PDB file of N, CA and C in Angstrom:
ATOM      1  N   UNK A   1       0.748  -1.353   0.165  1.00  0.00           N
ATOM      2  CA  UNK A   1       0.083   0.064   0.014  1.00  0.00           C
ATOM      3  C   UNK A   1       0.909   1.429   0.061  1.00  0.00           C
ATOM      4  N   UNK A   2       0.695   2.250  -0.748  1.00  0.00           N
ATOM      5  CA  UNK A   2       1.821   3.442  -1.120  1.00  0.00           C
ATOM      6  C   UNK A   2       1.622   4.021   0.345  1.00  0.00           C
ATOM      7  N   UNK A   3       2.451   4.818   0.633  1.00  0.00           N
ATOM      8  CA  UNK A   3       2.426   5.781   1.869  1.00  0.00           C
ATOM      9  C   UNK A   3       1.889   7.207   1.145  1.00  0.00           C
ATOM     10  N   UNK A   4       1.213   7.944   1.703  1.00  0.00           N
ATOM     11  CA  UNK A   4       0.567   9.268   1.398  1.00  0.00           C
ATOM     12  C   UNK A   4       1.433  10.286   2.005  1.00  0.00           C
ATOM     13  N   UNK A   5       1.978  11.128   1.099  1.00  0.00           N
ATOM     14  CA  UNK A   5       2.606  12.341   1.734  1.00  0.00           C
ATOM     15  C   UNK A   5       2.093  13.108   2.407  1.00  0.00           C
ATOM     16  N   UNK A   6       2.221  13.714   3.464  1.00  0.00           N
ATOM     17  CA  UNK A   6       1.468  14.761   4.087  1.00  0.00           C
ATOM     18  C   UNK A   6       1.374  15.750   3.362  1.00  0.00           C
ATOM     19  N   UNK A   7       0.296  16.621   3.454  1.00  0.00           N
ATOM     20  CA  UNK A   7      -0.116  17.471   2.640  1.00  0.00           C
ATOM     21  C   UNK A   7      -0.429  18.868   3.524  1.00  0.00           C
ATOM     22  N   UNK A   8      -0.029  20.042   3.120  1.00  0.00           N
ATOM     23  CA  UNK A   8      -0.478  21.377   3.436  1.00  0.00           C
ATOM     24  C   UNK A   8      -1.357  22.277   2.842  1.00  0.00           C
ATOM     25  N   UNK A   9      -2.266  23.079   3.289  1.00  0.00           N
ATOM     26  CA  UNK A   9      -2.687  24.068   2.356  1.00  0.00           C
ATOM     27  C   UNK A   9      -2.166  25.232   2.380  1.00  0.00           C
ATOM     28  N   UNK A  10      -1.748  26.315   1.788  1.00  0.00           N
ATOM     29  CA  UNK A  10      -1.487  27.710   1.414  1.00  0.00           C
ATOM     30  C   UNK A  10      -2.565  28.099   0.645  1.00  0.00           C
ATOM     31  N   UNK A  11      -2.886  29.623   1.166  1.00  0.00           N
ATOM     32  CA  UNK A  11      -3.380  30.224   0.452  1.00  0.00           C
ATOM     33  C   UNK A  11      -2.347  31.375  -0.408  1.00  0.00           C
ATOM     34  N   UNK A  12      -2.957  31.476  -1.343  1.00  0.00           N
ATOM     35  CA  UNK A  12      -2.147  32.460  -2.301  1.00  0.00           C
ATOM     36  C   UNK A  12      -2.941  33.663  -2.826  1.00  0.00           C
ATOM     37  N   UNK A  13      -2.380  34.656  -2.526  1.00  0.00           N
ATOM     38  CA  UNK A  13      -3.223  36.259  -2.913  1.00  0.00           C
ATOM     39  C   UNK A  13      -2.376  36.622  -4.259  1.00  0.00           C
ATOM     40  N   UNK A  14      -3.398  37.126  -5.447  1.00  0.00           N
ATOM     41  CA  UNK A  14      -2.681  37.935  -6.519  1.00  0.00           C
ATOM     42  C   UNK A  14      -3.413  39.044  -6.265  1.00  0.00           C
ATOM     43  N   UNK A  15      -2.604  40.564  -6.450  1.00  0.00           N
ATOM     44  CA  UNK A  15      -2.975  41.477  -6.420  1.00  0.00           C
ATOM     45  C   UNK A  15      -2.815  42.596  -7.799  1.00  0.00           C
ATOM     46  N   UNK A  16      -3.427  43.295  -8.056  1.00  0.00           N
ATOM     47  CA  UNK A  16      -3.337  44.356  -9.175  1.00  0.00           C
ATOM     48  C   UNK A  16      -3.246  43.378 -10.608  1.00  0.00           C
ATOM     49  N   UNK A  17      -2.090  43.396 -11.517  1.00  0.00           N
ATOM     50  CA  UNK A  17      -2.394  43.143 -12.716  1.00  0.00           C
ATOM     51  C   UNK A  17      -1.939  41.759 -12.517  1.00  0.00           C
ATOM     52  N   UNK A  18      -1.074  41.164 -11.359  1.00  0.00           N
ATOM     53  CA  UNK A  18      -1.108  39.901 -11.499  1.00  0.00           C
ATOM     54  C   UNK A  18      -2.385  39.041 -11.304  1.00  0.00           C
ATOM     55  N   UNK A  19      -3.158  39.919 -10.303  1.00  0.00           N
ATOM     56  CA  UNK A  19      -4.700  39.180 -10.483  1.00  0.00           C
ATOM     57  C   UNK A  19      -5.117  38.950 -11.899  1.00  0.00           C
ATOM     58  N   UNK A  20      -4.958  40.088 -12.634  1.00  0.00           N
ATOM     59  CA  UNK A  20      -5.426  39.840 -14.392  1.00  0.00           C
ATOM     60  C   UNK A  20      -4.946  38.662 -15.072  1.00  0.00           C
ATOM     61  N   UNK A  21      -3.619  38.242 -14.750  1.00  0.00           N
ATOM     62  CA  UNK A  21      -3.004  37.202 -15.623  1.00  0.00           C
ATOM     63  C   UNK A  21      -3.421  36.193 -14.727  1.00  0.00           C
ATOM     64  N   UNK A  22      -3.673  35.890 -13.959  1.00  0.00           N
ATOM     65  CA  UNK A  22      -4.006  34.525 -12.968  1.00  0.00           C
ATOM     66  C   UNK A  22      -5.578  34.544 -13.326  1.00  0.00           C
ATOM     67  N   UNK A  23      -6.268  35.549 -13.159  1.00  0.00           N
ATOM     68  CA  UNK A  23      -7.887  35.689 -13.129  1.00  0.00           C
ATOM     69  C   UNK A  23      -8.301  35.319 -12.155  1.00  0.00           C
ATOM     70  N   UNK A  24      -7.460  35.307 -10.800  1.00  0.00           N
ATOM     71  CA  UNK A  24      -8.023  34.778  -9.521  1.00  0.00           C
ATOM     72  C   UNK A  24      -7.360  35.719  -8.598  1.00  0.00           C
ATOM     73  N   UNK A  25      -8.168  36.085  -7.413  1.00  0.00           N
ATOM     74  CA  UNK A  25      -7.567  37.030  -6.739  1.00  0.00           C
ATOM     75  C   UNK A  25      -7.084  36.176  -5.544  1.00  0.00           C
ATOM     76  N   UNK A  26      -7.410  34.794  -5.339  1.00  0.00           N
ATOM     77  CA  UNK A  26      -6.610  34.096  -4.156  1.00  0.00           C
ATOM     78  C   UNK A  26      -6.991  32.373  -4.875  1.00  0.00           C
ATOM     79  N   UNK A  27      -6.403  31.600  -4.116  1.00  0.00           N
ATOM     80  CA  UNK A  27      -6.524  30.192  -4.708  1.00  0.00           C
ATOM     81  C   UNK A  27      -5.521  29.312  -3.807  1.00  0.00           C
ATOM     82  N   UNK A  28      -6.280  28.218  -3.249  1.00  0.00           N
ATOM     83  CA  UNK A  28      -5.652  27.306  -2.137  1.00  0.00           C
ATOM     84  C   UNK A  28      -4.935  26.331  -2.994  1.00  0.00           C
ATOM     85  N   UNK A  29      -3.933  26.201  -2.352  1.00  0.00           N
ATOM     86  CA  UNK A  29      -2.642  24.898  -3.189  1.00  0.00           C
ATOM     87  C   UNK A  29      -2.457  23.915  -2.150  1.00  0.00           C
ATOM     88  N   UNK A  30      -2.784  23.138  -2.485  1.00  0.00           N
ATOM     89  CA  UNK A  30      -2.133  21.589  -1.559  1.00  0.00           C
ATOM     90  C   UNK A  30      -0.797  21.475  -1.944  1.00  0.00           C
ATOM     91  N   UNK A  31      -0.104  21.485  -0.930  1.00  0.00           N
ATOM     92  CA  UNK A  31       1.286  21.203  -1.218  1.00  0.00           C
ATOM     93  C   UNK A  31       2.118  19.836  -0.332  1.00  0.00           C
ATOM     94  N   UNK A  32       3.188  19.650  -0.780  1.00  0.00           N
ATOM     95  CA  UNK A  32       3.658  18.502   0.367  1.00  0.00           C
ATOM     96  C   UNK A  32       4.384  19.394   1.545  1.00  0.00           C
ATOM     97  N   UNK A  33       4.305  18.496   2.872  1.00  0.00           N
ATOM     98  CA  UNK A  33       4.682  19.524   3.557  1.00  0.00           C
ATOM     99  C   UNK A  33       6.288  20.012   3.846  1.00  0.00           C
ATOM    100  N   UNK A  34       6.967  19.651   3.051  1.00  0.00           N
ATOM    101  CA  UNK A  34       8.288  20.085   2.972  1.00  0.00           C
ATOM    102  C   UNK A  34       8.473  21.341   1.463  1.00  0.00           C
ATOM    103  N   UNK A  35       7.429  21.795   1.328  1.00  0.00           N
ATOM    104  CA  UNK A  35       7.850  22.783  -0.050  1.00  0.00           C
ATOM    105  C   UNK A  35       8.184  24.084   0.630  1.00  0.00           C
ATOM    106  N   UNK A  36       9.572  24.607   0.016  1.00  0.00           N
ATOM    107  CA  UNK A  36       9.890  25.920   0.246  1.00  0.00           C
ATOM    108  C   UNK A  36       9.142  26.854  -0.307  1.00  0.00           C
ATOM    109  N   UNK A  37       9.286  28.054  -0.079  1.00  0.00           N
ATOM    110  CA  UNK A  37       9.015  29.259  -0.604  1.00  0.00           C
ATOM    111  C   UNK A  37       9.537  29.203  -2.544  1.00  0.00           C
ATOM    112  N   UNK A  38      10.495  29.029  -2.272  1.00  0.00           N
ATOM    113  CA  UNK A  38      11.220  28.842  -3.902  1.00  0.00           C
ATOM    114  C   UNK A  38      10.627  28.014  -4.558  1.00  0.00           C
ATOM    115  N   UNK A  39      10.375  26.710  -3.926  1.00  0.00           N
ATOM    116  CA  UNK A  39       9.540  25.714  -5.108  1.00  0.00           C
ATOM    117  C   UNK A  39       8.025  26.291  -5.125  1.00  0.00           C
ATOM    118  N   UNK A  40       7.450  26.765  -4.187  1.00  0.00           N
ATOM    119  CA  UNK A  40       6.089  27.631  -4.491  1.00  0.00           C
ATOM    120  C   UNK A  40       6.094  28.214  -5.365  1.00  0.00           C
ATOM    121  N   UNK A  41       6.920  29.151  -5.428  1.00  0.00           N
ATOM    122  CA  UNK A  41       7.254  30.360  -6.771  1.00  0.00           C
ATOM    123  C   UNK A  41       7.539  29.717  -8.025  1.00  0.00           C
ATOM    124  N   UNK A  42       8.042  28.811  -8.009  1.00  0.00           N
ATOM    125  CA  UNK A  42       8.387  27.743  -9.177  1.00  0.00           C
ATOM    126  C   UNK A  42       7.111  27.325 -10.017  1.00  0.00           C
ATOM    127  N   UNK A  43       6.061  26.420  -8.837  1.00  0.00           N
ATOM    128  CA  UNK A  43       4.996  26.100  -9.165  1.00  0.00           C
ATOM    129  C   UNK A  43       3.947  27.227  -9.702  1.00  0.00           C
ATOM    130  N   UNK A  44       3.740  28.313  -9.024  1.00  0.00           N
ATOM    131  CA  UNK A  44       3.052  29.486  -9.495  1.00  0.00           C
ATOM    132  C   UNK A  44       3.672  29.556 -10.871  1.00  0.00           C
ATOM    133  N   UNK A  45       4.612  30.233 -11.141  1.00  0.00           N
ATOM    134  CA  UNK A  45       5.180  30.821 -12.676  1.00  0.00           C
ATOM    135  C   UNK A  45       5.286  29.267 -13.577  1.00  0.00           C
ATOM    136  N   UNK A  46       4.994  28.168 -13.339  1.00  0.00           N
ATOM    137  CA  UNK A  46       4.807  27.173 -14.292  1.00  0.00           C
ATOM    138  C   UNK A  46       3.026  27.149 -14.480  1.00  0.00           C
ATOM    139  N   UNK A  47       2.136  27.677 -13.663  1.00  0.00           N
ATOM    140  CA  UNK A  47       0.942  27.509 -14.009  1.00  0.00           C
ATOM    141  C   UNK A  47       0.562  28.897 -14.889  1.00  0.00           C
ATOM    142  N   UNK A  48       1.471  30.061 -14.076  1.00  0.00           N
ATOM    143  CA  UNK A  48       1.315  31.387 -15.092  1.00  0.00           C
ATOM    144  C   UNK A  48       2.366  32.039 -15.531  1.00  0.00           C
ATOM    145  N   UNK A  49       2.915  31.175 -16.555  1.00  0.00           N
ATOM    146  CA  UNK A  49       4.078  31.912 -17.278  1.00  0.00           C
ATOM    147  C   UNK A  49       4.296  33.651 -17.485  1.00  0.00           C
ATOM    148  N   UNK A  50       3.163  33.672 -17.546  1.00  0.00           N
ATOM    149  CA  UNK A  50       3.155  35.391 -17.973  1.00  0.00           C
ATOM    150  C   UNK A  50       3.692  36.451 -16.741  1.00  0.00           C
ATOM    151  N   UNK A  51       3.379  35.862 -15.609  1.00  0.00           N
ATOM    152  CA  UNK A  51       4.149  36.451 -14.439  1.00  0.00           C
ATOM    153  C   UNK A  51       5.771  36.662 -14.447  1.00  0.00           C
ATOM    154  N   UNK A  52       6.162  35.882 -15.129  1.00  0.00           N
ATOM    155  CA  UNK A  52       7.635  35.911 -15.555  1.00  0.00           C
ATOM    156  C   UNK A  52       8.371  37.310 -16.260  1.00  0.00           C
ATOM    157  N   UNK A  53       7.163  37.912 -16.759  1.00  0.00           N
ATOM    158  CA  UNK A  53       7.481  39.224 -17.397  1.00  0.00           C
ATOM    159  C   UNK A  53       7.108  40.307 -16.523  1.00  0.00           C
ATOM    160  N   UNK A  54       6.935  40.190 -15.345  1.00  0.00           N
ATOM    161  CA  UNK A  54       6.846  41.446 -14.124  1.00  0.00           C
ATOM    162  C   UNK A  54       8.006  41.521 -13.430  1.00  0.00           C
ATOM    163  N   UNK A  55       8.729  42.480 -13.426  1.00  0.00           N
ATOM    164  CA  UNK A  55       9.999  42.517 -12.747  1.00  0.00           C
ATOM    165  C   UNK A  55       9.510  43.093 -11.368  1.00  0.00           C
ATOM    166  N   UNK A  56      10.668  42.638 -10.400  1.00  0.00           N
ATOM    167  CA  UNK A  56      10.205  43.544  -8.811  1.00  0.00           C
ATOM    168  C   UNK A  56       9.017  43.160  -8.228  1.00  0.00           C
ATOM    169  N   UNK A  57       8.378  42.214  -8.362  1.00  0.00           N
ATOM    170  CA  UNK A  57       7.618  41.274  -7.738  1.00  0.00           C
ATOM    171  C   UNK A  57       7.784  41.251  -6.140  1.00  0.00           C
ATOM    172  N   UNK A  58       7.280  41.457  -5.211  1.00  0.00           N
ATOM    173  CA  UNK A  58       7.415  41.190  -3.780  1.00  0.00           C
ATOM    174  C   UNK A  58       6.564  39.801  -3.564  1.00  0.00           C
ATOM    175  N   UNK A  59       7.110  39.038  -2.583  1.00  0.00           N
ATOM    176  CA  UNK A  59       6.521  38.251  -2.119  1.00  0.00           C
ATOM    177  C   UNK A  59       6.454  38.053  -0.592  1.00  0.00           C
ATOM    178  N   UNK A  60       4.836  37.942  -0.064  1.00  0.00           N
ATOM    179  CA  UNK A  60       4.807  37.865   1.242  1.00  0.00           C
ATOM    180  C   UNK A  60       4.578  36.685   1.798  1.00  0.00           C
ATOM    181  N   UNK A  61       4.941  36.314   2.980  1.00  0.00           N
ATOM    182  CA  UNK A  61       4.407  35.021   3.870  1.00  0.00           C
ATOM    183  C   UNK A  61       4.025  35.481   5.221  1.00  0.00           C
ATOM    184  N   UNK A  62       2.739  35.238   5.022  1.00  0.00           N
ATOM    185  CA  UNK A  62       1.931  36.086   6.501  1.00  0.00           C
ATOM    186  C   UNK A  62       2.391  37.343   6.937  1.00  0.00           C
ATOM    187  N   UNK A  63       2.172  38.439   5.456  1.00  0.00           N
ATOM    188  CA  UNK A  63       2.334  39.704   5.800  1.00  0.00           C
ATOM    189  C   UNK A  63       3.739  40.051   6.284  1.00  0.00           C
ATOM    190  N   UNK A  64       4.917  39.086   5.790  1.00  0.00           N
ATOM    191  CA  UNK A  64       6.251  39.628   5.860  1.00  0.00           C
ATOM    192  C   UNK A  64       6.675  39.349   4.615  1.00  0.00           C
ATOM    193  N   UNK A  65       7.585  40.427   3.981  1.00  0.00           N
ATOM    194  CA  UNK A  65       8.342  40.388   2.700  1.00  0.00           C
ATOM    195  C   UNK A  65       9.496  39.302   3.236  1.00  0.00           C
ATOM    196  N   UNK A  66       9.264  38.450   1.879  1.00  0.00           N
ATOM    197  CA  UNK A  66      10.330  37.228   1.687  1.00  0.00           C
ATOM    198  C   UNK A  66      10.927  37.494   0.792  1.00  0.00           C
ATOM    199  N   UNK A  67      12.228  36.826   0.701  1.00  0.00           N
ATOM    200  CA  UNK A  67      13.244  36.344  -0.456  1.00  0.00           C
ATOM    201  C   UNK A  67      12.295  35.067  -1.269  1.00  0.00           C
ATOM    202  N   UNK A  68      12.220  35.571  -2.674  1.00  0.00           N
ATOM    203  CA  UNK A  68      11.563  34.581  -3.464  1.00  0.00           C
ATOM    204  C   UNK A  68      12.431  33.111  -3.684  1.00  0.00           C
ATOM    205  N   UNK A  69      13.554  33.338  -3.492  1.00  0.00           N
ATOM    206  CA  UNK A  69      14.496  32.298  -3.559  1.00  0.00           C
ATOM    207  C   UNK A  69      15.111  31.426  -2.366  1.00  0.00           C
ATOM    208  N   UNK A  70      14.106  31.968  -1.177  1.00  0.00           N
ATOM    209  CA  UNK A  70      14.123  31.455   0.320  1.00  0.00           C
ATOM    210  C   UNK A  70      13.976  29.906   0.203  1.00  0.00           C
ATOM    211  N   UNK A  71      14.653  29.187   1.082  1.00  0.00           N
ATOM    212  CA  UNK A  71      14.656  27.783   0.818  1.00  0.00           C
ATOM    213  C   UNK A  71      13.625  27.620   2.603  1.00  0.00           C
ATOM    214  N   UNK A  72      13.075  28.614   2.851  1.00  0.00           N
ATOM    215  CA  UNK A  72      12.224  28.448   4.082  1.00  0.00           C
ATOM    216  C   UNK A  72      11.109  27.612   3.670  1.00  0.00           C
ATOM    217  N   UNK A  73      10.815  26.491   4.673  1.00  0.00           N
ATOM    218  CA  UNK A  73       9.613  25.488   4.500  1.00  0.00           C
ATOM    219  C   UNK A  73       8.448  26.391   4.712  1.00  0.00           C
ATOM    220  N   UNK A  74       7.333  26.544   3.898  1.00  0.00           N
ATOM    221  CA  UNK A  74       6.099  26.927   4.142  1.00  0.00           C
ATOM    222  C   UNK A  74       5.229  25.816   5.120  1.00  0.00           C
ATOM    223  N   UNK A  75       4.347  26.603   6.180  1.00  0.00           N
ATOM    224  CA  UNK A  75       3.670  25.733   7.058  1.00  0.00           C
ATOM    225  C   UNK A  75       1.976  25.692   6.441  1.00  0.00           C
ATOM    226  N   UNK A  76       1.368  24.976   7.133  1.00  0.00           N
ATOM    227  CA  UNK A  76      -0.149  24.931   7.071  1.00  0.00           C
ATOM    228  C   UNK A  76      -0.678  26.120   7.391  1.00  0.00           C
ATOM    229  N   UNK A  77      -1.742  26.414   6.394  1.00  0.00           N
ATOM    230  CA  UNK A  77      -2.368  27.914   6.568  1.00  0.00           C
ATOM    231  C   UNK A  77      -1.467  28.931   6.120  1.00  0.00           C
ATOM    232  N   UNK A  78      -0.459  28.879   5.870  1.00  0.00           N
ATOM    233  CA  UNK A  78       0.465  30.070   5.577  1.00  0.00           C
ATOM    234  C   UNK A  78      -0.565  30.986   4.608  1.00  0.00           C
ATOM    235  N   UNK A  79      -0.225  32.161   4.569  1.00  0.00           N
ATOM    236  CA  UNK A  79      -0.772  32.978   3.448  1.00  0.00           C
ATOM    237  C   UNK A  79       0.330  33.641   2.576  1.00  0.00           C
ATOM    238  N   UNK A  80       0.423  33.520   1.285  1.00  0.00           N
ATOM    239  CA  UNK A  80       1.504  33.935   0.251  1.00  0.00           C
ATOM    240  C   UNK A  80       0.764  34.847  -0.303  1.00  0.00           C
ATOM    241  N   UNK A  81       1.227  36.337  -0.505  1.00  0.00           N
ATOM    242  CA  UNK A  81       1.195  37.369  -1.238  1.00  0.00           C
ATOM    243  C   UNK A  81       2.009  37.661  -2.514  1.00  0.00           C
ATOM    244  N   UNK A  82       1.612  37.705  -3.889  1.00  0.00           N
ATOM    245  CA  UNK A  82       2.557  37.975  -5.117  1.00  0.00           C
ATOM    246  C   UNK A  82       2.184  39.699  -5.148  1.00  0.00           C
ATOM    247  N   UNK A  83       3.015  40.705  -4.844  1.00  0.00           N
ATOM    248  CA  UNK A  83       2.591  41.980  -4.992  1.00  0.00           C
ATOM    249  C   UNK A  83       3.586  42.371  -5.931  1.00  0.00           C
ATOM    250  N   UNK A  84       2.908  43.067  -6.889  1.00  0.00           N
ATOM    251  CA  UNK A  84       3.471  44.031  -8.104  1.00  0.00           C
ATOM    252  C   UNK A  84       4.083  45.333  -7.663  1.00  0.00           C
ATOM    253  N   UNK A  85       4.943  45.611  -8.359  1.00  0.00           N
ATOM    254  CA  UNK A  85       5.880  46.696  -8.290  1.00  0.00           C
ATOM    255  C   UNK A  85       4.534  47.803  -7.957  1.00  0.00           C
ATOM    256  N   UNK A  86       5.210  48.603  -6.974  1.00  0.00           N
ATOM    257  CA  UNK A  86       4.256  50.173  -6.876  1.00  0.00           C
ATOM    258  C   UNK A  86       4.725  51.171  -7.566  1.00  0.00           C
ATOM    259  N   UNK A  87       3.920  51.697  -8.025  1.00  0.00           N
ATOM    260  CA  UNK A  87       4.190  52.820  -9.135  1.00  0.00           C
ATOM    261  C   UNK A  87       3.425  54.276  -8.721  1.00  0.00           C
ATOM    262  N   UNK A  88       3.769  55.316  -8.948  1.00  0.00           N
ATOM    263  CA  UNK A  88       3.053  56.625  -8.476  1.00  0.00           C
ATOM    264  C   UNK A  88       3.853  57.780  -8.552  1.00  0.00           C
ATOM    265  N   UNK A  89       3.307  58.890  -8.229  1.00  0.00           N
ATOM    266  CA  UNK A  89       4.278  60.149  -8.058  1.00  0.00           C
ATOM    267  C   UNK A  89       3.523  60.894  -7.365  1.00  0.00           C
TER     268      UNK A  89
END
Protein backbone atom coordinates (compact mmCIF):
# COMPACT_ATOMS: atom_id res chain seq x y z
CA UNK A 1 0.00 0.00 0.00
CA UNK A 2 1.54 3.35 -1.00
CA UNK A 3 2.35 5.84 1.71
CA UNK A 4 0.62 9.18 1.27
CA UNK A 5 2.80 12.26 1.58
CA UNK A 6 1.48 14.64 4.22
CA UNK A 7 0.01 17.78 2.71
CA UNK A 8 -0.42 21.38 3.74
CA UNK A 9 -2.82 23.99 2.41
CA UNK A 10 -1.48 27.43 1.52
CA UNK A 11 -3.53 30.43 0.40
CA UNK A 12 -2.03 32.41 -2.50
CA UNK A 13 -3.20 36.02 -3.01
CA UNK A 14 -2.75 37.81 -6.34
CA UNK A 15 -2.91 41.61 -6.51
CA UNK A 16 -3.35 44.23 -9.27
CA UNK A 17 -2.19 43.10 -12.72
CA UNK A 18 -0.97 39.77 -11.32
CA UNK A 19 -4.65 39.12 -10.58
CA UNK A 20 -5.41 39.96 -14.22
CA UNK A 21 -2.87 37.38 -15.41
CA UNK A 22 -4.11 34.60 -13.12
CA UNK A 23 -7.77 35.62 -13.36
CA UNK A 24 -7.95 34.86 -9.66
CA UNK A 25 -7.72 37.00 -6.56
CA UNK A 26 -6.75 33.99 -4.51
CA UNK A 27 -6.39 30.26 -4.63
CA UNK A 28 -5.63 27.49 -2.21
CA UNK A 29 -2.85 25.11 -3.11
CA UNK A 30 -2.23 21.75 -1.54
CA UNK A 31 1.51 21.15 -1.23
CA UNK A 32 3.80 18.58 0.33
CA UNK A 33 4.87 19.44 3.87
CA UNK A 34 8.45 20.18 2.85
CA UNK A 35 7.69 22.76 0.13
CA UNK A 36 9.91 25.84 0.23
CA UNK A 37 8.98 29.36 -0.82
CA UNK A 38 11.28 28.95 -3.81
CA UNK A 39 9.49 25.76 -4.88
CA UNK A 40 6.08 27.39 -4.51
CA UNK A 41 7.13 30.32 -6.69
CA UNK A 42 8.34 27.83 -9.29
CA UNK A 43 4.94 26.09 -9.23
CA UNK A 44 3.14 29.43 -9.63
CA UNK A 45 5.38 30.48 -12.55
CA UNK A 46 4.76 27.15 -14.25
CA UNK A 47 0.98 27.65 -13.95
CA UNK A 48 1.10 31.33 -14.92
CA UNK A 49 4.20 31.86 -17.10
CA UNK A 50 3.27 35.47 -17.95
CA UNK A 51 4.05 36.47 -14.37
CA UNK A 52 7.73 36.00 -15.29
CA UNK A 53 7.45 39.16 -17.39
CA UNK A 54 6.76 41.31 -14.33
CA UNK A 55 9.90 42.70 -12.74
CA UNK A 56 10.32 43.43 -9.02
CA UNK A 57 7.44 41.35 -7.66
CA UNK A 58 7.53 41.15 -3.89
CA UNK A 59 6.53 37.98 -2.07
CA UNK A 60 5.07 38.05 1.40
CA UNK A 61 4.36 35.15 3.72
CA UNK A 62 1.98 35.96 6.52
CA UNK A 63 2.45 39.72 5.93
CA UNK A 64 6.27 39.60 5.95
CA UNK A 65 8.28 40.27 2.80
CA UNK A 66 10.50 37.29 1.96
CA UNK A 67 13.06 36.41 -0.68
CA UNK A 68 11.50 34.48 -3.57
CA UNK A 69 14.57 32.21 -3.62
CA UNK A 70 14.18 31.34 0.05
CA UNK A 71 14.49 27.72 1.08
CA UNK A 72 12.29 28.42 4.11
CA UNK A 73 9.62 25.75 4.41
CA UNK A 74 5.97 26.77 4.23
CA UNK A 75 3.54 25.68 6.93
CA UNK A 76 -0.11 24.71 6.85
CA UNK A 77 -2.43 27.73 6.54
CA UNK A 78 0.36 30.13 5.48
CA UNK A 79 -0.80 33.07 3.38
CA UNK A 80 1.46 33.95 0.46
CA UNK A 81 0.89 37.17 -1.48
CA UNK A 82 2.38 38.20 -4.82
CA UNK A 83 2.70 41.97 -4.77
CA UNK A 84 3.41 43.91 -7.97
CA UNK A 85 5.82 46.84 -7.99
CA UNK A 86 4.27 50.04 -6.66
CA UNK A 87 4.24 52.98 -9.02
CA UNK A 88 2.99 56.48 -8.67
CA UNK A 89 4.18 59.95 -8.07
